[in-house]
Amino acid sequence: MAYKITDSCVSCGTCAGVCPVGAISEGDGKYVIDAGACLSCGACAGACPTGAIEEA
């Protein structure tokens, strides 16, 4: 199951830095996860300082 970034995202970029496959990029107002590339490893969710990343 892929992860998604909620509106709690503050665009700090921490998640993009920890994603092992580069599935996270800066979107319009918040970061976004490419569900097709996401491995569902949870590294991004564990690193997010605002808890904005959850399972989709």
N, C-alpha and C. Protein backbone atom coordinates (compact mmCIF):
# COMPACT_ATOMS: atom_id res chain seq x y z
N MET A 1 0.84 -1.18 0.00
CA MET A 1 0.00 0.00 0.00
C MET A 1 0.89 1.25 0.00
N ALA A 2 0.65 2.11 -0.92
CA ALA A 2 1.44 3.34 -1.04
C ALA A 2 1.06 4.33 0.06
N TYR A 3 1.91 5.29 0.27
CA TYR A 3 1.68 6.33 1.25
C TYR A 3 1.21 7.59 0.55
N LYS A 4 0.58 8.49 1.33
CA LYS A 4 0.17 9.79 0.79
C LYS A 4 0.57 10.88 1.78
N ILE A 5 0.74 12.07 1.28
CA ILE A 5 1.11 13.20 2.11
C ILE A 5 -0.13 14.08 2.29
N THR A 6 -0.49 14.34 3.55
CA THR A 6 -1.69 15.11 3.85
C THR A 6 -1.39 16.61 3.85
N ASP A 7 -2.43 17.38 4.10
CA ASP A 7 -2.29 18.84 4.13
C ASP A 7 -1.48 19.35 5.32
N SER A 8 -1.08 18.47 6.22
CA SER A 8 -0.23 18.87 7.35
C SER A 8 1.21 19.09 6.91
N CYS A 9 1.52 18.77 5.66
CA CYS A 9 2.87 18.93 5.10
C CYS A 9 3.29 20.40 5.15
N VAL A 10 4.52 20.64 5.63
CA VAL A 10 5.07 22.00 5.69
C VAL A 10 6.17 22.20 4.65
N SER A 11 6.29 21.27 3.72
CA SER A 11 7.26 21.33 2.61
C SER A 11 8.70 21.46 3.07
N CYS A 12 9.07 20.72 4.11
CA CYS A 12 10.44 20.78 4.61
C CYS A 12 11.40 19.95 3.76
N GLY A 13 10.87 18.92 3.06
CA GLY A 13 11.70 18.09 2.20
C GLY A 13 12.37 16.91 2.86
N THR A 14 12.15 16.73 4.15
CA THR A 14 12.78 15.61 4.86
C THR A 14 12.42 14.27 4.23
N CYS A 15 11.16 14.10 3.86
CA CYS A 15 10.69 12.84 3.30
C CYS A 15 11.40 12.51 1.98
N ALA A 16 11.56 13.52 1.15
CA ALA A 16 12.21 13.31 -0.14
C ALA A 16 13.65 12.85 0.05
N GLY A 17 14.29 13.34 1.09
CA GLY A 17 15.68 12.98 1.35
C GLY A 17 15.86 11.55 1.83
N VAL A 18 14.83 10.97 2.44
CA VAL A 18 14.96 9.61 2.96
C VAL A 18 14.36 8.54 2.05
N CYS A 19 13.61 8.94 1.04
CA CYS A 19 13.00 7.96 0.14
C CYS A 19 14.06 7.22 -0.66
N PRO A 20 14.13 5.89 -0.52
CA PRO A 20 15.19 5.13 -1.20
C PRO A 20 15.04 5.04 -2.72
N VAL A 21 13.85 5.34 -3.23
CA VAL A 21 13.63 5.24 -4.68
C VAL A 21 13.31 6.58 -5.33
N GLY A 22 13.38 7.66 -4.57
CA GLY A 22 13.12 8.99 -5.13
C GLY A 22 11.69 9.19 -5.59
N ALA A 23 10.73 8.59 -4.87
CA ALA A 23 9.33 8.66 -5.27
C ALA A 23 8.64 9.93 -4.79
N ILE A 24 9.35 10.78 -4.04
CA ILE A 24 8.74 11.98 -3.48
C ILE A 24 9.35 13.23 -4.11
N SER A 25 8.46 14.13 -4.52
CA SER A 25 8.92 15.37 -5.14
C SER A 25 8.08 16.55 -4.65
N GLU A 26 8.60 17.74 -4.87
CA GLU A 26 7.89 18.94 -4.43
C GLU A 26 6.71 19.21 -5.36
N GLY A 27 5.54 19.32 -4.77
CA GLY A 27 4.34 19.58 -5.54
C GLY A 27 3.88 21.02 -5.33
N ASP A 28 2.63 21.26 -5.57
CA ASP A 28 2.06 22.59 -5.43
C ASP A 28 1.60 22.81 -3.99
N GLY A 29 2.45 23.40 -3.16
CA GLY A 29 2.11 23.67 -1.77
C GLY A 29 2.49 22.58 -0.79
N LYS A 30 2.75 21.39 -1.27
CA LYS A 30 3.20 20.30 -0.42
C LYS A 30 3.91 19.27 -1.28
N TYR A 31 4.62 18.37 -0.65
CA TYR A 31 5.30 17.32 -1.39
C TYR A 31 4.29 16.24 -1.79
N VAL A 32 4.61 15.50 -2.84
CA VAL A 32 3.73 14.45 -3.33
C VAL A 32 4.51 13.16 -3.53
N ILE A 33 3.82 12.04 -3.41
CA ILE A 33 4.42 10.73 -3.57
C ILE A 33 3.90 10.09 -4.86
N ASP A 34 4.81 9.61 -5.68
CA ASP A 34 4.46 8.87 -6.89
C ASP A 34 4.08 7.46 -6.45
N ALA A 35 2.77 7.18 -6.41
CA ALA A 35 2.29 5.90 -5.90
C ALA A 35 2.84 4.71 -6.70
N GLY A 36 3.12 4.90 -7.97
CA GLY A 36 3.65 3.83 -8.79
C GLY A 36 5.08 3.47 -8.45
N ALA A 37 5.83 4.42 -7.93
CA ALA A 37 7.23 4.18 -7.59
C ALA A 37 7.42 3.84 -6.11
N CYS A 38 6.43 4.17 -5.28
CA CYS A 38 6.51 3.97 -3.83
C CYS A 38 6.63 2.49 -3.50
N LEU A 39 7.59 2.15 -2.63
CA LEU A 39 7.80 0.77 -2.21
C LEU A 39 7.02 0.42 -0.95
N SER A 40 6.32 1.42 -0.36
CA SER A 40 5.59 1.26 0.89
C SER A 40 6.50 0.83 2.04
N CYS A 41 7.72 1.36 2.03
CA CYS A 41 8.67 1.00 3.08
C CYS A 41 8.44 1.77 4.37
N GLY A 42 7.78 2.94 4.28
CA GLY A 42 7.47 3.72 5.47
C GLY A 42 8.59 4.62 5.95
N ALA A 43 9.69 4.68 5.24
CA ALA A 43 10.81 5.53 5.67
C ALA A 43 10.38 7.00 5.75
N CYS A 44 9.58 7.42 4.79
CA CYS A 44 9.13 8.82 4.76
C CYS A 44 8.26 9.14 5.96
N ALA A 45 7.33 8.24 6.28
CA ALA A 45 6.41 8.46 7.40
C ALA A 45 7.18 8.55 8.71
N GLY A 46 8.20 7.73 8.85
CA GLY A 46 9.00 7.75 10.08
C GLY A 46 9.84 9.00 10.20
N ALA A 47 10.19 9.59 9.09
CA ALA A 47 11.06 10.78 9.11
C ALA A 47 10.29 12.09 9.17
N CYS A 48 9.02 12.09 8.84
CA CYS A 48 8.23 13.33 8.75
C CYS A 48 8.06 13.96 10.14
N PRO A 49 8.54 15.20 10.30
CA PRO A 49 8.45 15.85 11.62
C PRO A 49 7.03 16.30 11.99
N THR A 50 6.13 16.38 11.03
CA THR A 50 4.76 16.81 11.33
C THR A 50 3.75 15.67 11.28
N GLY A 51 4.19 14.46 10.96
CA GLY A 51 3.29 13.32 10.87
C GLY A 51 2.30 13.43 9.73
N ALA A 52 2.72 14.12 8.65
CA ALA A 52 1.83 14.39 7.52
C ALA A 52 1.71 13.22 6.54
N ILE A 53 2.48 12.15 6.75
CA ILE A 53 2.47 11.05 5.79
C ILE A 53 1.77 9.84 6.40
N GLU A 54 0.80 9.32 5.67
CA GLU A 54 0.04 8.17 6.16
C GLU A 54 -0.20 7.19 5.03
N GLU A 55 -0.59 5.98 5.39
CA GLU A 55 -0.89 4.97 4.38
C GLU A 55 -2.14 5.37 3.62
N ALA A 56 -2.09 5.20 2.32
CA ALA A 56 -3.24 5.58 1.47
C ALA A 56 -4.30 4.52 1.48
